[in-house]
Amino acid sequence: MDLQEQLRQLFPDHEPENVQKHQIPDAGFWMQDDPIICKYEKRKGKGITLLENYNGTSNDFKKLTQILQREFHVGASAKDDIIILQTSERDRVMTFLKSLGFIVKRVGG
């Protein structure tokens, strides 16, 4: 018996609300067919996540960078068609991009 079933037994009249944890606005950026390549590197002893192979316009590139920056509360920059996130949580970044509808490919260990 999981927690949801226990709560239903304790409070049979309660109807849970379908509340989304993250409200992501429709950014309207380019959704490509090719996968975004997600890499993990260490620079100056700290882990960073690199996102390569996004071929949208420069405005779409900046929007995606800002959305990732707000979602993960980390520093981010977009240079030379690469998004650099100052986080080592590559799996969370990949899951978030998949929830936006992108195809993501993990590269490296």
N, C-alpha and C. Protein backbone atom coordinates (compact mmCIF):
# COMPACT_ATOMS: atom_id res chain seq x y z
N MET A 1 0.85 -1.17 0.00
CA MET A 1 0.00 0.00 0.00
C MET A 1 0.90 1.23 0.00
N ASP A 2 0.73 2.06 -1.00
CA ASP A 2 1.57 3.24 -1.09
C ASP A 2 0.91 4.41 -0.34
N LEU A 3 1.58 5.52 -0.32
CA LEU A 3 1.14 6.68 0.43
C LEU A 3 -0.18 7.24 -0.10
N GLN A 4 -0.37 7.23 -1.41
CA GLN A 4 -1.61 7.75 -1.99
C GLN A 4 -2.82 6.93 -1.53
N GLU A 5 -2.66 5.62 -1.48
CA GLU A 5 -3.77 4.77 -1.03
C GLU A 5 -4.06 4.97 0.44
N GLN A 6 -3.03 5.15 1.26
CA GLN A 6 -3.23 5.41 2.67
C GLN A 6 -3.97 6.72 2.89
N LEU A 7 -3.61 7.75 2.13
CA LEU A 7 -4.29 9.03 2.26
C LEU A 7 -5.74 8.93 1.82
N ARG A 8 -6.03 8.14 0.77
CA ARG A 8 -7.41 7.96 0.34
C ARG A 8 -8.24 7.26 1.40
N GLN A 9 -7.63 6.34 2.15
CA GLN A 9 -8.37 5.65 3.21
C GLN A 9 -8.61 6.57 4.39
N LEU A 10 -7.64 7.42 4.70
CA LEU A 10 -7.80 8.34 5.83
C LEU A 10 -8.79 9.47 5.52
N PHE A 11 -8.76 9.96 4.29
CA PHE A 11 -9.60 11.08 3.87
C PHE A 11 -10.37 10.70 2.62
N PRO A 12 -11.45 9.92 2.76
CA PRO A 12 -12.15 9.44 1.56
C PRO A 12 -12.88 10.55 0.79
N ASP A 13 -13.24 11.66 1.45
CA ASP A 13 -13.98 12.73 0.78
C ASP A 13 -13.08 13.70 0.04
N HIS A 14 -11.79 13.64 0.31
CA HIS A 14 -10.85 14.59 -0.31
C HIS A 14 -10.54 14.20 -1.75
N GLU A 15 -10.59 15.21 -2.64
CA GLU A 15 -10.21 14.99 -4.03
C GLU A 15 -8.93 15.76 -4.30
N PRO A 16 -7.83 15.06 -4.59
CA PRO A 16 -6.55 15.76 -4.80
C PRO A 16 -6.58 16.60 -6.07
N GLU A 17 -5.87 17.73 -6.02
CA GLU A 17 -5.77 18.60 -7.17
C GLU A 17 -4.59 18.16 -8.03
N ASN A 18 -4.72 18.34 -9.31
CA ASN A 18 -3.61 18.05 -10.23
C ASN A 18 -2.79 19.31 -10.38
N VAL A 19 -1.80 19.46 -9.52
CA VAL A 19 -0.96 20.64 -9.53
C VAL A 19 0.39 20.26 -10.12
N GLN A 20 0.81 20.98 -11.15
CA GLN A 20 2.12 20.73 -11.72
C GLN A 20 3.18 21.43 -10.87
N LYS A 21 4.26 20.75 -10.66
CA LYS A 21 5.32 21.32 -9.83
C LYS A 21 6.00 22.49 -10.53
N HIS A 22 6.28 22.34 -11.82
CA HIS A 22 6.97 23.38 -12.56
C HIS A 22 6.05 23.89 -13.66
N GLN A 23 5.73 25.14 -13.60
CA GLN A 23 4.94 25.77 -14.65
C GLN A 23 5.90 26.39 -15.64
N ILE A 24 6.08 25.77 -16.77
CA ILE A 24 7.01 26.25 -17.78
C ILE A 24 6.20 26.92 -18.88
N PRO A 25 6.43 28.19 -19.10
CA PRO A 25 5.66 28.86 -20.15
C PRO A 25 6.05 28.32 -21.52
N ASP A 26 5.11 28.41 -22.45
CA ASP A 26 5.40 27.99 -23.82
C ASP A 26 6.38 28.99 -24.41
N ALA A 27 7.64 28.60 -24.45
CA ALA A 27 8.69 29.51 -24.89
C ALA A 27 8.64 29.75 -26.39
N GLY A 28 8.13 28.81 -27.14
CA GLY A 28 8.02 28.97 -28.57
C GLY A 28 9.35 28.91 -29.30
N PHE A 29 10.31 28.14 -28.77
CA PHE A 29 11.57 28.04 -29.47
C PHE A 29 11.58 26.83 -30.41
N TRP A 30 12.56 26.80 -31.26
CA TRP A 30 12.69 25.80 -32.31
C TRP A 30 12.90 24.42 -31.71
N MET A 31 12.06 23.46 -32.13
CA MET A 31 12.22 22.08 -31.72
C MET A 31 12.84 21.33 -32.89
N GLN A 32 14.02 20.83 -32.69
CA GLN A 32 14.77 20.21 -33.79
C GLN A 32 14.63 18.71 -33.77
N ASP A 33 14.95 18.09 -34.90
CA ASP A 33 14.90 16.64 -35.02
C ASP A 33 16.18 15.98 -34.51
N ASP A 34 17.31 16.67 -34.64
CA ASP A 34 18.59 16.13 -34.17
C ASP A 34 18.66 16.22 -32.65
N PRO A 35 19.35 15.28 -32.01
CA PRO A 35 19.45 15.34 -30.55
C PRO A 35 20.41 16.44 -30.08
N ILE A 36 20.10 16.98 -28.92
CA ILE A 36 21.01 17.91 -28.24
C ILE A 36 22.02 17.04 -27.50
N ILE A 37 23.29 17.33 -27.67
CA ILE A 37 24.35 16.55 -27.04
C ILE A 37 24.65 17.14 -25.67
N CYS A 38 24.59 16.29 -24.65
CA CYS A 38 24.79 16.72 -23.27
C CYS A 38 26.10 16.10 -22.75
N LYS A 39 27.06 16.95 -22.41
CA LYS A 39 28.37 16.50 -21.93
C LYS A 39 28.62 17.03 -20.52
N TYR A 40 29.45 16.31 -19.81
CA TYR A 40 29.90 16.74 -18.48
C TYR A 40 31.40 16.93 -18.53
N GLU A 41 31.88 18.06 -18.05
CA GLU A 41 33.31 18.34 -17.99
C GLU A 41 33.65 18.97 -16.65
N LYS A 42 34.94 18.96 -16.36
CA LYS A 42 35.43 19.69 -15.19
C LYS A 42 36.34 20.80 -15.67
N ARG A 43 36.04 21.99 -15.19
CA ARG A 43 36.89 23.14 -15.50
C ARG A 43 37.24 23.82 -14.20
N LYS A 44 38.53 24.00 -13.99
CA LYS A 44 39.04 24.61 -12.77
C LYS A 44 38.53 23.89 -11.52
N GLY A 45 38.41 22.56 -11.62
CA GLY A 45 38.02 21.75 -10.48
C GLY A 45 36.53 21.68 -10.21
N LYS A 46 35.71 22.34 -11.02
CA LYS A 46 34.27 22.34 -10.80
C LYS A 46 33.57 21.71 -12.00
N GLY A 47 32.49 21.00 -11.73
CA GLY A 47 31.76 20.33 -12.79
C GLY A 47 30.84 21.28 -13.55
N ILE A 48 30.81 21.13 -14.86
CA ILE A 48 29.89 21.91 -15.69
C ILE A 48 29.20 20.96 -16.68
N THR A 49 28.05 21.39 -17.16
CA THR A 49 27.31 20.64 -18.16
C THR A 49 27.28 21.44 -19.45
N LEU A 50 27.66 20.81 -20.55
CA LEU A 50 27.68 21.46 -21.86
C LEU A 50 26.55 20.91 -22.71
N LEU A 51 25.81 21.79 -23.35
CA LEU A 51 24.76 21.39 -24.27
C LEU A 51 25.14 21.88 -25.66
N GLU A 52 25.32 20.96 -26.57
CA GLU A 52 25.76 21.29 -27.92
C GLU A 52 24.73 20.81 -28.94
N ASN A 53 24.89 21.27 -30.17
CA ASN A 53 24.12 20.81 -31.32
C ASN A 53 22.69 21.34 -31.35
N TYR A 54 22.42 22.48 -30.69
CA TYR A 54 21.11 23.11 -30.82
C TYR A 54 21.21 24.10 -31.97
N ASN A 55 20.35 23.96 -32.96
CA ASN A 55 20.50 24.77 -34.16
C ASN A 55 19.35 25.75 -34.37
N GLY A 56 18.79 26.28 -33.29
CA GLY A 56 17.76 27.30 -33.41
C GLY A 56 18.38 28.67 -33.66
N THR A 57 17.53 29.70 -33.72
CA THR A 57 18.03 31.06 -33.91
C THR A 57 18.73 31.53 -32.65
N SER A 58 19.41 32.66 -32.74
CA SER A 58 20.12 33.17 -31.57
C SER A 58 19.15 33.57 -30.46
N ASN A 59 17.96 34.06 -30.82
CA ASN A 59 16.97 34.40 -29.79
C ASN A 59 16.47 33.15 -29.08
N ASP A 60 16.22 32.08 -29.84
CA ASP A 60 15.80 30.81 -29.24
C ASP A 60 16.89 30.26 -28.34
N PHE A 61 18.13 30.41 -28.77
CA PHE A 61 19.28 29.95 -28.00
C PHE A 61 19.33 30.66 -26.65
N LYS A 62 19.11 31.98 -26.66
CA LYS A 62 19.13 32.76 -25.42
C LYS A 62 17.94 32.42 -24.53
N LYS A 63 16.77 32.20 -25.12
CA LYS A 63 15.59 31.83 -24.34
C LYS A 63 15.81 30.50 -23.63
N LEU A 64 16.35 29.52 -24.36
CA LEU A 64 16.59 28.21 -23.76
C LEU A 64 17.61 28.32 -22.63
N THR A 65 18.63 29.14 -22.82
CA THR A 65 19.64 29.35 -21.78
C THR A 65 19.00 29.96 -20.53
N GLN A 66 18.15 30.95 -20.72
CA GLN A 66 17.50 31.61 -19.58
C GLN A 66 16.56 30.66 -18.86
N ILE A 67 15.82 29.83 -19.60
CA ILE A 67 14.92 28.88 -18.96
C ILE A 67 15.70 27.87 -18.13
N LEU A 68 16.80 27.37 -18.67
CA LEU A 68 17.64 26.42 -17.92
C LEU A 68 18.25 27.09 -16.69
N GLN A 69 18.65 28.33 -16.84
CA GLN A 69 19.25 29.07 -15.74
C GLN A 69 18.24 29.25 -14.60
N ARG A 70 17.01 29.59 -14.94
CA ARG A 70 15.97 29.77 -13.92
C ARG A 70 15.56 28.45 -13.29
N GLU A 71 15.47 27.41 -14.09
CA GLU A 71 15.01 26.12 -13.57
C GLU A 71 16.00 25.51 -12.58
N PHE A 72 17.30 25.61 -12.86
CA PHE A 72 18.30 24.96 -12.02
C PHE A 72 19.00 25.91 -11.06
N HIS A 73 18.68 27.20 -11.11
CA HIS A 73 19.26 28.20 -10.21
C HIS A 73 20.78 28.17 -10.24
N VAL A 74 21.31 28.18 -11.46
CA VAL A 74 22.77 28.16 -11.64
C VAL A 74 23.15 29.20 -12.68
N GLY A 75 24.42 29.49 -12.75
CA GLY A 75 24.92 30.37 -13.78
C GLY A 75 24.95 29.64 -15.11
N ALA A 76 24.70 30.38 -16.17
CA ALA A 76 24.71 29.77 -17.50
C ALA A 76 25.14 30.82 -18.51
N SER A 77 25.74 30.35 -19.59
CA SER A 77 26.11 31.26 -20.67
C SER A 77 25.95 30.53 -21.99
N ALA A 78 25.78 31.31 -23.05
CA ALA A 78 25.63 30.75 -24.39
C ALA A 78 26.71 31.36 -25.27
N LYS A 79 27.68 30.54 -25.65
CA LYS A 79 28.79 31.01 -26.47
C LYS A 79 29.09 29.99 -27.55
N ASP A 80 29.31 30.46 -28.75
CA ASP A 80 29.74 29.60 -29.86
C ASP A 80 28.83 28.38 -30.03
N ASP A 81 27.53 28.59 -29.99
CA ASP A 81 26.54 27.52 -30.16
C ASP A 81 26.65 26.42 -29.11
N ILE A 82 27.12 26.78 -27.92
CA ILE A 82 27.21 25.84 -26.79
C ILE A 82 26.60 26.53 -25.57
N ILE A 83 25.73 25.83 -24.86
CA ILE A 83 25.19 26.34 -23.60
C ILE A 83 26.01 25.73 -22.49
N ILE A 84 26.55 26.57 -21.63
CA ILE A 84 27.37 26.12 -20.52
C ILE A 84 26.59 26.35 -19.23
N LEU A 85 26.29 25.27 -18.50
CA LEU A 85 25.59 25.36 -17.23
C LEU A 85 26.56 25.02 -16.10
N GLN A 86 26.57 25.82 -15.07
CA GLN A 86 27.48 25.59 -13.96
C GLN A 86 26.85 24.63 -12.96
N THR A 87 26.59 23.43 -13.41
CA THR A 87 26.05 22.39 -12.55
C THR A 87 26.58 21.04 -13.01
N SER A 88 26.69 20.11 -12.07
CA SER A 88 27.16 18.78 -12.42
C SER A 88 26.01 17.79 -12.50
N GLU A 89 24.76 18.26 -12.44
CA GLU A 89 23.59 17.39 -12.46
C GLU A 89 23.09 17.18 -13.89
N ARG A 90 23.88 16.47 -14.65
CA ARG A 90 23.58 16.25 -16.06
C ARG A 90 22.29 15.48 -16.26
N ASP A 91 22.01 14.51 -15.41
CA ASP A 91 20.80 13.70 -15.56
C ASP A 91 19.54 14.54 -15.38
N ARG A 92 19.55 15.46 -14.40
CA ARG A 92 18.39 16.34 -14.20
C ARG A 92 18.19 17.26 -15.39
N VAL A 93 19.28 17.76 -15.94
CA VAL A 93 19.21 18.64 -17.11
C VAL A 93 18.62 17.87 -18.29
N MET A 94 19.06 16.64 -18.49
CA MET A 94 18.56 15.83 -19.60
C MET A 94 17.07 15.53 -19.41
N THR A 95 16.65 15.22 -18.20
CA THR A 95 15.24 14.94 -17.93
C THR A 95 14.39 16.18 -18.19
N PHE A 96 14.89 17.34 -17.79
CA PHE A 96 14.15 18.58 -18.01
C PHE A 96 14.02 18.89 -19.50
N LEU A 97 15.09 18.71 -20.25
CA LEU A 97 15.03 18.96 -21.69
C LEU A 97 14.07 17.99 -22.38
N LYS A 98 14.04 16.75 -21.93
CA LYS A 98 13.11 15.78 -22.49
C LYS A 98 11.67 16.18 -22.19
N SER A 99 11.43 16.75 -20.99
CA SER A 99 10.08 17.18 -20.65
C SER A 99 9.64 18.36 -21.51
N LEU A 100 10.61 19.14 -22.02
CA LEU A 100 10.28 20.23 -22.93
C LEU A 100 10.01 19.73 -24.34
N GLY A 101 10.40 18.49 -24.64
CA GLY A 101 10.14 17.91 -25.94
C GLY A 101 11.38 17.72 -26.80
N PHE A 102 12.55 18.00 -26.26
CA PHE A 102 13.78 17.83 -27.02
C PHE A 102 14.24 16.38 -26.98
N ILE A 103 15.02 16.00 -27.98
CA ILE A 103 15.69 14.70 -27.99
C ILE A 103 17.10 14.97 -27.47
N VAL A 104 17.51 14.23 -26.45
CA VAL A 104 18.80 14.48 -25.79
C VAL A 104 19.64 13.23 -25.85
N LYS A 105 20.93 13.41 -26.14
CA LYS A 105 21.87 12.29 -26.20
C LYS A 105 22.98 12.54 -25.19
N ARG A 106 23.24 11.56 -24.36
CA ARG A 106 24.28 11.66 -23.34
C ARG A 106 25.61 11.24 -23.96
N VAL A 107 26.64 12.06 -23.77
CA VAL A 107 27.96 11.78 -24.31
C VAL A 107 28.95 11.78 -23.14
N GLY A 108 29.81 10.80 -23.10
CA GLY A 108 30.81 10.72 -22.04
C GLY A 108 30.32 9.84 -20.91
N GLY A 109 31.17 9.71 -19.87
CA GLY A 109 30.91 8.81 -18.77
C GLY A 109 29.83 9.16 -17.89
